[in-house]
Amino acid sequence: MNFQKIDASLSAALHGKHFTDEPDFIVFIQTTKPLDDEQREELEKLGVMDIPVKSEIFSAQISARAVAEISEKPWVRFISLSEHLRLLD
């Protein structure tokens, strides 16, 4: 796993987590450029669905194992954990 491409909150969430194939994390994935067909296929095999065309940032619900594998891809720039938003009073 390339921790330089993972934000602090995702790194903390992964700490002590068993690397299963359960899609436990909602993340944002940022790539260096829009994905080609081969790169899209690689991500789909790891459980990333509905990847927008011509976009460098997209969300996905993926497993800890997929986070580890995606972080090693040279065309992935950054992976960050999606935060739950709360209404202000």
Protein backbone atom coordinates (compact mmCIF):
# COMPACT_ATOMS: atom_id res chain seq x y z
CA MET A 1 0.00 0.00 0.00
CA ASN A 2 1.28 3.43 -0.93
CA PHE A 3 0.44 5.57 2.12
CA GLN A 4 1.63 8.73 0.33
CA LYS A 5 -1.51 8.52 -1.81
CA ILE A 6 -3.91 7.99 1.11
CA ASP A 7 -5.28 10.78 3.31
CA ALA A 8 -4.92 10.68 7.10
CA SER A 9 -8.55 9.81 7.84
CA LEU A 10 -8.51 6.86 5.44
CA SER A 11 -5.18 5.70 6.82
CA ALA A 12 -6.62 5.80 10.35
CA ALA A 13 -9.74 3.92 9.24
CA LEU A 14 -7.57 1.22 7.65
CA HIS A 15 -5.43 0.81 10.77
CA GLY A 16 -6.09 -2.62 12.27
CA LYS A 17 -8.67 -3.43 9.59
CA HIS A 18 -8.65 -6.92 8.08
CA PHE A 19 -8.12 -6.71 4.34
CA THR A 20 -11.31 -8.37 3.13
CA ASP A 21 -13.35 -7.85 0.00
CA GLU A 22 -16.24 -6.18 1.88
CA PRO A 23 -16.86 -2.68 0.44
CA ASP A 24 -16.45 -0.89 3.78
CA PHE A 25 -15.15 2.48 2.57
CA ILE A 26 -16.68 5.28 0.54
CA VAL A 27 -13.77 7.14 -0.99
CA PHE A 28 -12.85 9.75 -3.55
CA ILE A 29 -10.25 8.64 -6.08
CA GLN A 30 -8.21 11.24 -7.95
CA THR A 31 -6.27 10.16 -11.03
CA THR A 32 -3.53 11.94 -12.95
CA LYS A 33 -5.71 12.16 -16.08
CA PRO A 34 -9.03 10.77 -17.34
CA LEU A 35 -8.88 6.98 -17.44
CA ASP A 36 -8.43 4.93 -20.58
CA ASP A 37 -10.37 1.71 -21.16
CA GLU A 38 -7.66 -0.53 -19.66
CA GLN A 39 -7.45 1.53 -16.47
CA ARG A 40 -11.25 1.60 -16.15
CA GLU A 41 -11.30 -2.18 -16.50
CA GLU A 42 -8.66 -2.55 -13.76
CA LEU A 43 -10.75 -0.48 -11.35
CA GLU A 44 -13.94 -2.33 -12.22
CA LYS A 45 -12.21 -5.63 -11.33
CA LEU A 46 -11.47 -4.09 -7.92
CA GLY A 47 -15.12 -3.17 -7.37
CA VAL A 48 -15.24 0.43 -8.59
CA MET A 49 -18.50 0.94 -10.48
CA ASP A 50 -20.01 3.74 -12.56
CA ILE A 51 -16.72 5.50 -13.32
CA PRO A 52 -17.53 8.78 -15.09
CA VAL A 53 -15.97 9.33 -18.49
CA LYS A 54 -13.46 12.17 -18.80
CA SER A 55 -13.28 12.75 -15.06
CA GLU A 56 -10.21 12.73 -12.86
CA ILE A 57 -12.10 12.63 -9.55
CA PHE A 58 -14.86 10.19 -8.70
CA SER A 59 -16.31 8.35 -5.73
CA ALA A 60 -16.47 4.64 -5.04
CA GLN A 61 -17.47 2.20 -2.33
CA ILE A 62 -14.59 -0.25 -2.06
CA SER A 63 -12.88 -2.73 0.24
CA ALA A 64 -9.67 -2.26 2.21
CA ARG A 65 -7.97 -4.67 -0.19
CA ALA A 66 -9.05 -2.53 -3.15
CA VAL A 67 -7.73 0.62 -1.43
CA ALA A 68 -4.34 -1.07 -1.07
CA GLU A 69 -4.26 -2.18 -4.71
CA ILE A 70 -5.55 1.09 -6.15
CA SER A 71 -2.99 3.11 -4.18
CA GLU A 72 -0.23 1.24 -6.02
CA LYS A 73 -1.43 2.26 -9.48
CA PRO A 74 0.94 4.86 -11.02
CA TRP A 75 -1.97 6.78 -12.56
CA VAL A 76 -3.74 7.25 -9.20
CA ARG A 77 -2.84 10.53 -7.53
CA PHE A 78 -4.78 10.40 -4.24
CA ILE A 79 -7.46 8.47 -2.34
CA SER A 80 -9.44 10.16 0.42
CA LEU A 81 -12.15 8.96 2.76
CA SER A 82 -15.59 10.47 2.25
CA GLU A 83 -16.77 12.22 5.39
CA HIS A 84 -20.35 12.07 6.61
CA LEU A 85 -21.87 15.52 6.63
CA ARG A 86 -24.07 16.69 9.47
CA LEU A 87 -26.71 19.39 9.43
CA LEU A 88 -25.91 22.54 11.34
CA ASP A 89 -28.37 23.67 13.99
